[in-house]
């Protein structure tokens, strides 16, 4: 039987503690960025800042969910769909701000 590259296993994590630590840093910075955009939204009431805040908070919680997965380097459909919805929502808010509010 011919084995394709899709049948192969991913390489195991070389330094799982360091990878989880760095993923935790990404979570922390995502949530801090969300807090900054919440502050900007409170002062301006611009919906674009609210969209950025929601994007960073969703990404932070998505990365937090990756921390409890056994193999965070493997693809997971649920995490990918959550990222896709967050990015599409942010792009929709940017288009709304630049196209429809003129």
Protein backbone atom coordinates (compact mmCIF):
# COMPACT_ATOMS: atom_id res chain seq x y z
CA UNK A 1 0.00 0.00 0.00
CA UNK A 2 1.31 3.42 -0.92
CA UNK A 3 1.45 5.75 2.04
CA UNK A 4 0.73 9.41 1.41
CA UNK A 5 1.89 12.25 3.57
CA UNK A 6 -1.64 12.57 5.00
CA UNK A 7 -1.35 9.12 6.56
CA UNK A 8 1.79 10.04 8.48
CA UNK A 9 1.69 11.08 12.11
CA UNK A 10 2.77 14.55 13.10
CA UNK A 11 6.06 14.78 14.88
CA UNK A 12 5.67 14.78 18.65
CA UNK A 13 6.21 17.98 20.55
CA UNK A 14 9.91 18.30 21.32
CA UNK A 15 9.48 20.62 24.31
CA UNK A 16 5.86 20.35 25.50
CA UNK A 17 6.40 22.51 28.59
CA UNK A 18 7.92 25.33 26.56
CA UNK A 19 5.20 25.05 23.91
CA UNK A 20 2.45 25.25 26.53
CA UNK A 21 4.23 28.16 28.22
CA UNK A 22 4.44 30.08 24.94
CA UNK A 23 0.81 29.27 24.15
CA UNK A 24 -0.08 30.66 27.58
CA UNK A 25 1.78 33.86 26.73
CA UNK A 26 -0.24 34.14 23.51
CA UNK A 27 -3.44 33.68 25.54
CA UNK A 28 -2.41 36.40 27.97
CA UNK A 29 -1.48 38.88 25.27
CA UNK A 30 -4.70 38.19 23.37
CA UNK A 31 -6.79 38.92 26.45
CA UNK A 32 -4.75 42.06 27.23
CA UNK A 33 -5.27 43.28 23.66
CA UNK A 34 -8.99 42.63 24.12
CA UNK A 35 -8.96 44.77 27.27
CA UNK A 36 -7.24 47.62 25.43
CA UNK A 37 -9.85 47.53 22.67
CA UNK A 38 -12.61 47.44 25.30
CA UNK A 39 -11.16 50.61 26.80
CA UNK A 40 -11.01 52.25 23.36
CA UNK A 41 -14.61 51.20 22.67
CA UNK A 42 -15.80 52.65 26.00
CA UNK A 43 -14.24 56.01 25.21
CA UNK A 44 -15.34 56.26 21.55
CA UNK A 45 -18.33 53.86 21.21
CA UNK A 46 -16.93 52.90 17.79
CA UNK A 47 -18.24 49.43 16.86
CA UNK A 48 -14.97 48.58 15.13
CA UNK A 49 -13.17 48.63 18.49
CA UNK A 50 -15.86 46.32 19.87
CA UNK A 51 -15.28 43.93 16.95
CA UNK A 52 -11.53 43.91 17.60
CA UNK A 53 -12.16 43.31 21.30
CA UNK A 54 -14.44 40.36 20.54
CA UNK A 55 -11.90 38.97 18.06
CA UNK A 56 -9.05 39.00 20.56
CA UNK A 57 -11.17 37.59 23.39
CA UNK A 58 -12.45 34.76 21.19
CA UNK A 59 -8.90 34.01 20.02
CA UNK A 60 -7.69 34.06 23.63
CA UNK A 61 -10.33 31.58 24.73
CA UNK A 62 -9.69 29.45 21.66
CA UNK A 63 -5.99 29.24 22.55
CA UNK A 64 -6.96 28.49 26.14
CA UNK A 65 -8.97 25.53 24.89
CA UNK A 66 -5.87 24.39 22.98
CA UNK A 67 -3.98 24.25 26.28
CA UNK A 68 -6.12 21.35 27.52
CA UNK A 69 -6.01 19.33 24.27
CA UNK A 70 -3.68 16.32 24.31
CA UNK A 71 -1.98 17.22 21.02
CA UNK A 72 -2.22 20.99 20.40
CA UNK A 73 -0.11 20.74 17.23
CA UNK A 74 -2.68 18.56 15.47
CA UNK A 75 -5.52 20.10 13.53
CA UNK A 76 -8.91 20.27 15.19
CA UNK A 77 -12.03 21.18 13.23
CA UNK A 78 -13.75 22.95 16.13
CA UNK A 79 -10.80 25.27 16.82
CA UNK A 80 -10.44 26.00 13.12
CA UNK A 81 -14.12 26.87 12.75
CA UNK A 82 -13.96 29.18 15.79
CA UNK A 83 -10.92 30.96 14.30
CA UNK A 84 -12.67 31.23 10.93
CA UNK A 85 -15.81 32.73 12.47
CA UNK A 86 -13.71 35.23 14.45
CA UNK A 87 -11.72 36.32 11.39
CA UNK A 88 -14.81 36.57 9.17
CA UNK A 89 -16.59 38.60 11.86
CA UNK A 90 -13.65 40.98 12.12
CA UNK A 91 -13.42 41.34 8.35
CA UNK A 92 -17.16 41.98 8.23
CA UNK A 93 -16.82 44.75 10.83
CA UNK A 94 -13.95 46.33 8.87
CA UNK A 95 -15.99 46.23 5.66
CA UNK A 96 -19.03 47.62 7.47
CA UNK A 97 -16.97 50.51 8.83
CA UNK A 98 -15.29 51.35 5.51
CA UNK A 99 -18.02 50.65 2.97
CA UNK A 100 -21.45 51.02 4.53
CA UNK A 101 -20.87 53.91 6.94
CA UNK A 102 -19.95 56.46 4.27
